[in-house]
């Protein structure tokens, strides 16, 4: 099951794809679910799809 905040079909497919890939690599189902959830949430954060999220920019100043 995808993370709670995932509502789009695209992110659900992404979660299932990562989960299948990780189990094919020999990881346990529980670990594969954890990795898939973390990766999906990471992508959602980066794309600004999470509640209250904002896109991160580099914190270092260019000189």
PDB file of N, CA and C in Angstrom:
ATOM      1  N   UNK A   1       0.845  -1.175   0.000  1.00  0.00           N
ATOM      2  CA  UNK A   1       0.000   0.000   0.000  1.00  0.00           C
ATOM      3  C   UNK A   1       0.895   1.245   0.000  1.00  0.00           C
ATOM      4  N   UNK A   2       0.633   2.174  -0.887  1.00  0.00           N
ATOM      5  CA  UNK A   2       1.429   3.399  -0.960  1.00  0.00           C
ATOM      6  C   UNK A   2       1.282   4.241   0.311  1.00  0.00           C
ATOM      7  N   UNK A   3       2.171   5.188   0.524  1.00  0.00           N
ATOM      8  CA  UNK A   3       2.052   6.074   1.680  1.00  0.00           C
ATOM      9  C   UNK A   3       0.697   6.781   1.704  1.00  0.00           C
ATOM     10  N   UNK A   4       0.274   7.223   2.877  1.00  0.00           N
ATOM     11  CA  UNK A   4      -1.066   7.786   3.053  1.00  0.00           C
ATOM     12  C   UNK A   4      -1.393   8.962   2.149  1.00  0.00           C
ATOM     13  N   UNK A   5      -0.451   9.850   1.912  1.00  0.00           N
ATOM     14  CA  UNK A   5      -0.738  11.052   1.143  1.00  0.00           C
ATOM     15  C   UNK A   5      -0.796  10.855  -0.360  1.00  0.00           C
ATOM     16  N   UNK A   6      -0.464   9.664  -0.836  1.00  0.00           N
ATOM     17  CA  UNK A   6      -0.406   9.425  -2.280  1.00  0.00           C
ATOM     18  C   UNK A   6      -1.821   9.252  -2.826  1.00  0.00           C
ATOM     19  N   UNK A   7      -2.208  10.168  -3.702  1.00  0.00           N
ATOM     20  CA  UNK A   7      -3.547  10.098  -4.280  1.00  0.00           C
ATOM     21  C   UNK A   7      -3.513   9.912  -5.788  1.00  0.00           C
ATOM     22  N   UNK A   8      -2.435  10.324  -6.419  1.00  0.00           N
ATOM     23  CA  UNK A   8      -2.388  10.242  -7.882  1.00  0.00           C
ATOM     24  C   UNK A   8      -2.036   8.828  -8.335  1.00  0.00           C
ATOM     25  N   UNK A   9      -2.571   8.466  -9.470  1.00  0.00           N
ATOM     26  CA  UNK A   9      -2.302   7.144 -10.041  1.00  0.00           C
ATOM     27  C   UNK A   9      -0.826   7.004 -10.403  1.00  0.00           C
ATOM     28  N   UNK A  10      -0.220   8.105 -10.806  1.00  0.00           N
ATOM     29  CA  UNK A  10       1.194   8.079 -11.194  1.00  0.00           C
ATOM     30  C   UNK A  10       2.077   7.677 -10.014  1.00  0.00           C
ATOM     31  N   UNK A  11       1.830   8.251  -8.852  1.00  0.00           N
ATOM     32  CA  UNK A  11       2.645   7.923  -7.672  1.00  0.00           C
ATOM     33  C   UNK A  11       2.350   6.503  -7.173  1.00  0.00           C
ATOM     34  N   UNK A  12       1.123   6.044  -7.315  1.00  0.00           N
ATOM     35  CA  UNK A  12       0.800   4.666  -6.933  1.00  0.00           C
ATOM     36  C   UNK A  12       1.540   3.688  -7.829  1.00  0.00           C
ATOM     37  N   UNK A  13       1.578   3.989  -9.136  1.00  0.00           N
ATOM     38  CA  UNK A  13       2.338   3.146 -10.068  1.00  0.00           C
ATOM     39  C   UNK A  13       3.820   3.181  -9.736  1.00  0.00           C
ATOM     40  N   UNK A  14       4.328   4.359  -9.404  1.00  0.00           N
ATOM     41  CA  UNK A  14       5.740   4.492  -9.052  1.00  0.00           C
ATOM     42  C   UNK A  14       6.054   3.626  -7.827  1.00  0.00           C
ATOM     43  N   UNK A  15       5.199   3.686  -6.815  1.00  0.00           N
ATOM     44  CA  UNK A  15       5.383   2.900  -5.600  1.00  0.00           C
ATOM     45  C   UNK A  15       5.426   1.405  -5.922  1.00  0.00           C
ATOM     46  N   UNK A  16       4.454   0.932  -6.700  1.00  0.00           N
ATOM     47  CA  UNK A  16       4.395  -0.490  -7.044  1.00  0.00           C
ATOM     48  C   UNK A  16       5.605  -0.921  -7.872  1.00  0.00           C
ATOM     49  N   UNK A  17       6.032  -0.071  -8.786  1.00  0.00           N
ATOM     50  CA  UNK A  17       7.190  -0.391  -9.621  1.00  0.00           C
ATOM     51  C   UNK A  17       8.456  -0.524  -8.773  1.00  0.00           C
ATOM     52  N   UNK A  18       8.677   0.410  -7.874  1.00  0.00           N
ATOM     53  CA  UNK A  18       9.867   0.360  -7.018  1.00  0.00           C
ATOM     54  C   UNK A  18       9.805  -0.861  -6.112  1.00  0.00           C
ATOM     55  N   UNK A  19       8.629  -1.140  -5.572  1.00  0.00           N
ATOM     56  CA  UNK A  19       8.461  -2.303  -4.692  1.00  0.00           C
ATOM     57  C   UNK A  19       8.785  -3.601  -5.432  1.00  0.00           C
ATOM     58  N   UNK A  20       8.266  -3.748  -6.657  1.00  0.00           N
ATOM     59  CA  UNK A  20       8.566  -4.942  -7.460  1.00  0.00           C
ATOM     60  C   UNK A  20      10.055  -5.038  -7.763  1.00  0.00           C
ATOM     61  N   UNK A  21      10.660  -3.908  -8.105  1.00  0.00           N
ATOM     62  CA  UNK A  21      12.088  -3.899  -8.437  1.00  0.00           C
ATOM     63  C   UNK A  21      12.934  -4.330  -7.247  1.00  0.00           C
ATOM     64  N   UNK A  22      12.595  -3.845  -6.080  1.00  0.00           N
ATOM     65  CA  UNK A  22      13.370  -4.177  -4.882  1.00  0.00           C
ATOM     66  C   UNK A  22      13.200  -5.646  -4.488  1.00  0.00           C
ATOM     67  N   UNK A  23      11.987  -6.185  -4.628  1.00  0.00           N
ATOM     68  CA  UNK A  23      11.803  -7.604  -4.311  1.00  0.00           C
ATOM     69  C   UNK A  23      12.524  -8.473  -5.337  1.00  0.00           C
ATOM     70  N   UNK A  24      12.579  -8.014  -6.582  1.00  0.00           N
ATOM     71  CA  UNK A  24      13.312  -8.755  -7.615  1.00  0.00           C
ATOM     72  C   UNK A  24      14.812  -8.764  -7.330  1.00  0.00           C
ATOM     73  N   UNK A  25      15.283  -7.743  -6.643  1.00  0.00           N
ATOM     74  CA  UNK A  25      16.702  -7.671  -6.269  1.00  0.00           C
ATOM     75  C   UNK A  25      17.016  -8.520  -5.034  1.00  0.00           C
ATOM     76  N   UNK A  26      15.989  -9.127  -4.453  1.00  0.00           N
ATOM     77  CA  UNK A  26      16.209 -10.026  -3.330  1.00  0.00           C
ATOM     78  C   UNK A  26      15.900  -9.437  -1.967  1.00  0.00           C
ATOM     79  N   UNK A  27      15.325  -8.261  -1.919  1.00  0.00           N
ATOM     80  CA  UNK A  27      14.972  -7.658  -0.631  1.00  0.00           C
ATOM     81  C   UNK A  27      13.662  -8.265  -0.132  1.00  0.00           C
ATOM     82  N   UNK A  28      13.480  -8.261   1.186  1.00  0.00           N
ATOM     83  CA  UNK A  28      12.234  -8.781   1.743  1.00  0.00           C
ATOM     84  C   UNK A  28      11.093  -7.832   1.380  1.00  0.00           C
ATOM     85  N   UNK A  29       9.874  -8.332   1.461  1.00  0.00           N
ATOM     86  CA  UNK A  29       8.704  -7.532   1.105  1.00  0.00           C
ATOM     87  C   UNK A  29       8.593  -6.301   2.000  1.00  0.00           C
ATOM     88  N   UNK A  30       8.877  -6.472   3.281  1.00  0.00           N
ATOM     89  CA  UNK A  30       8.779  -5.367   4.238  1.00  0.00           C
ATOM     90  C   UNK A  30       9.789  -4.264   3.913  1.00  0.00           C
ATOM     91  N   UNK A  31      11.014  -4.662   3.618  1.00  0.00           N
ATOM     92  CA  UNK A  31      12.062  -3.690   3.283  1.00  0.00           C
ATOM     93  C   UNK A  31      11.744  -3.020   1.952  1.00  0.00           C
ATOM     94  N   UNK A  32      11.254  -3.795   0.989  1.00  0.00           N
ATOM     95  CA  UNK A  32      10.897  -3.242  -0.320  1.00  0.00           C
ATOM     96  C   UNK A  32       9.796  -2.191  -0.182  1.00  0.00           C
ATOM     97  N   UNK A  33       8.814  -2.439   0.674  1.00  0.00           N
ATOM     98  CA  UNK A  33       7.746  -1.470   0.903  1.00  0.00           C
ATOM     99  C   UNK A  33       8.291  -0.195   1.523  1.00  0.00           C
ATOM    100  N   UNK A  34       9.213  -0.340   2.472  1.00  0.00           N
ATOM    101  CA  UNK A  34       9.799   0.828   3.123  1.00  0.00           C
ATOM    102  C   UNK A  34      10.584   1.684   2.126  1.00  0.00           C
ATOM    103  N   UNK A  35      11.379   1.030   1.295  1.00  0.00           N
ATOM    104  CA  UNK A  35      12.176   1.746   0.296  1.00  0.00           C
ATOM    105  C   UNK A  35      11.266   2.432  -0.720  1.00  0.00           C
ATOM    106  N   UNK A  36      10.246   1.722  -1.178  1.00  0.00           N
ATOM    107  CA  UNK A  36       9.316   2.292  -2.162  1.00  0.00           C
ATOM    108  C   UNK A  36       8.575   3.495  -1.583  1.00  0.00           C
ATOM    109  N   UNK A  37       8.137   3.384  -0.345  1.00  0.00           N
ATOM    110  CA  UNK A  37       7.441   4.501   0.300  1.00  0.00           C
ATOM    111  C   UNK A  37       8.338   5.711   0.471  1.00  0.00           C
ATOM    112  N   UNK A  38       9.565   5.479   0.910  1.00  0.00           N
ATOM    113  CA  UNK A  38      10.502   6.585   1.111  1.00  0.00           C
ATOM    114  C   UNK A  38      10.837   7.272  -0.207  1.00  0.00           C
ATOM    115  N   UNK A  39      11.045   6.477  -1.237  1.00  0.00           N
ATOM    116  CA  UNK A  39      11.384   7.043  -2.547  1.00  0.00           C
ATOM    117  C   UNK A  39      10.215   7.829  -3.124  1.00  0.00           C
ATOM    118  N   UNK A  40       9.008   7.292  -2.985  1.00  0.00           N
ATOM    119  CA  UNK A  40       7.820   7.976  -3.485  1.00  0.00           C
ATOM    120  C   UNK A  40       7.614   9.296  -2.746  1.00  0.00           C
ATOM    121  N   UNK A  41       7.768   9.276  -1.428  1.00  0.00           N
ATOM    122  CA  UNK A  41       7.616  10.504  -0.645  1.00  0.00           C
ATOM    123  C   UNK A  41       8.683  11.529  -1.007  1.00  0.00           C
ATOM    124  N   UNK A  42       9.898  11.065  -1.235  1.00  0.00           N
ATOM    125  CA  UNK A  42      10.988  11.960  -1.628  1.00  0.00           C
ATOM    126  C   UNK A  42      10.645  12.667  -2.940  1.00  0.00           C
ATOM    127  N   UNK A  43      10.149  11.899  -3.901  1.00  0.00           N
ATOM    128  CA  UNK A  43       9.780  12.475  -5.195  1.00  0.00           C
ATOM    129  C   UNK A  43       8.639  13.469  -5.037  1.00  0.00           C
ATOM    130  N   UNK A  44       7.654  13.129  -4.232  1.00  0.00           N
ATOM    131  CA  UNK A  44       6.521  14.029  -4.003  1.00  0.00           C
ATOM    132  C   UNK A  44       6.982  15.339  -3.381  1.00  0.00           C
ATOM    133  N   UNK A  45       7.896  15.260  -2.411  1.00  0.00           N
ATOM    134  CA  UNK A  45       8.436  16.469  -1.790  1.00  0.00           C
ATOM    135  C   UNK A  45       9.170  17.333  -2.807  1.00  0.00           C
ATOM    136  N   UNK A  46      10.004  16.695  -3.623  1.00  0.00           N
ATOM    137  CA  UNK A  46      10.786  17.435  -4.615  1.00  0.00           C
ATOM    138  C   UNK A  46       9.909  18.096  -5.668  1.00  0.00           C
ATOM    139  N   UNK A  47       8.792  17.480  -5.998  1.00  0.00           N
ATOM    140  CA  UNK A  47       7.890  18.018  -7.017  1.00  0.00           C
ATOM    141  C   UNK A  47       6.854  18.979  -6.433  1.00  0.00           C
ATOM    142  N   UNK A  48       6.875  19.167  -5.116  1.00  0.00           N
ATOM    143  CA  UNK A  48       5.936  20.086  -4.480  1.00  0.00           C
ATOM    144  C   UNK A  48       4.534  19.545  -4.358  1.00  0.00           C
ATOM    145  N   UNK A  49       4.380  18.233  -4.261  1.00  0.00           N
ATOM    146  CA  UNK A  49       3.051  17.610  -4.206  1.00  0.00           C
ATOM    147  C   UNK A  49       2.562  17.365  -2.784  1.00  0.00           C
ATOM    148  N   UNK A  50       3.398  17.614  -1.792  1.00  0.00           N
ATOM    149  CA  UNK A  50       2.992  17.350  -0.420  1.00  0.00           C
ATOM    150  C   UNK A  50       2.367  18.597   0.189  1.00  0.00           C
ATOM    151  N   UNK A  51       1.560  18.388   1.206  1.00  0.00           N
ATOM    152  CA  UNK A  51       0.896  19.492   1.878  1.00  0.00           C
ATOM    153  C   UNK A  51       1.948  20.362   2.570  1.00  0.00           C
ATOM    154  N   UNK A  52       1.924  21.627   2.264  1.00  0.00           N
ATOM    155  CA  UNK A  52       2.854  22.553   2.894  1.00  0.00           C
ATOM    156  C   UNK A  52       4.279  22.434   2.394  1.00  0.00           C
ATOM    157  N   UNK A  53       4.474  21.743   1.303  1.00  0.00           N
ATOM    158  CA  UNK A  53       5.839  21.571   0.804  1.00  0.00           C
ATOM    159  C   UNK A  53       6.240  22.756  -0.046  1.00  0.00           C
ATOM    160  N   UNK A  54       7.517  22.924  -0.149  1.00  0.00           N
ATOM    161  CA  UNK A  54       8.039  23.924  -1.059  1.00  0.00           C
ATOM    162  C   UNK A  54       9.284  23.349  -1.696  1.00  0.00           C
ATOM    163  N   UNK A  55       9.565  23.805  -2.875  1.00  0.00           N
ATOM    164  CA  UNK A  55      10.739  23.290  -3.563  1.00  0.00           C
ATOM    165  C   UNK A  55      11.988  23.827  -2.886  1.00  0.00           C
ATOM    166  N   UNK A  56      12.928  22.938  -2.671  1.00  0.00           N
ATOM    167  CA  UNK A  56      14.176  23.344  -2.042  1.00  0.00           C
ATOM    168  C   UNK A  56      15.126  23.889  -3.089  1.00  0.00           C
ATOM    169  N   UNK A  57      15.847  24.884  -2.670  1.00  0.00           N
ATOM    170  CA  UNK A  57      16.894  25.420  -3.525  1.00  0.00           C
ATOM    171  C   UNK A  57      18.204  25.305  -2.779  1.00  0.00           C
ATOM    172  N   UNK A  58      19.255  25.503  -3.456  1.00  0.00           N
ATOM    173  CA  UNK A  58      20.561  25.414  -2.827  1.00  0.00           C
ATOM    174  C   UNK A  58      20.678  26.491  -1.759  1.00  0.00           C
ATOM    175  N   UNK A  59      21.155  26.117  -0.594  1.00  0.00           N
ATOM    176  CA  UNK A  59      21.275  27.073   0.496  1.00  0.00           C
ATOM    177  C   UNK A  59      22.586  27.851   0.433  1.00  0.00           C
ATOM    178  N   UNK A  60      23.496  27.382  -0.405  1.00  0.00           N
ATOM    179  CA  UNK A  60      24.777  28.084  -0.518  1.00  0.00           C
ATOM    180  C   UNK A  60      24.670  29.209  -1.528  1.00  0.00           C
ATOM    181  N   UNK A  61      25.322  30.301  -1.188  1.00  0.00           N
ATOM    182  CA  UNK A  61      25.336  31.438  -2.098  1.00  0.00           C
ATOM    183  C   UNK A  61      26.430  31.258  -3.127  1.00  0.00           C
ATOM    184  N   UNK A  62      26.135  31.679  -4.326  1.00  0.00           N
ATOM    185  CA  UNK A  62      27.143  31.628  -5.381  1.00  0.00           C
ATOM    186  C   UNK A  62      28.033  32.853  -5.262  1.00  0.00           C
ATOM    187  N   UNK A  63      29.326  32.650  -5.429  1.00  0.00           N
ATOM    188  CA  UNK A  63      30.226  33.799  -5.333  1.00  0.00           C
ATOM    189  C   UNK A  63      30.992  34.022  -6.602  1.00  0.00           C
TER     190      UNK A  63
END
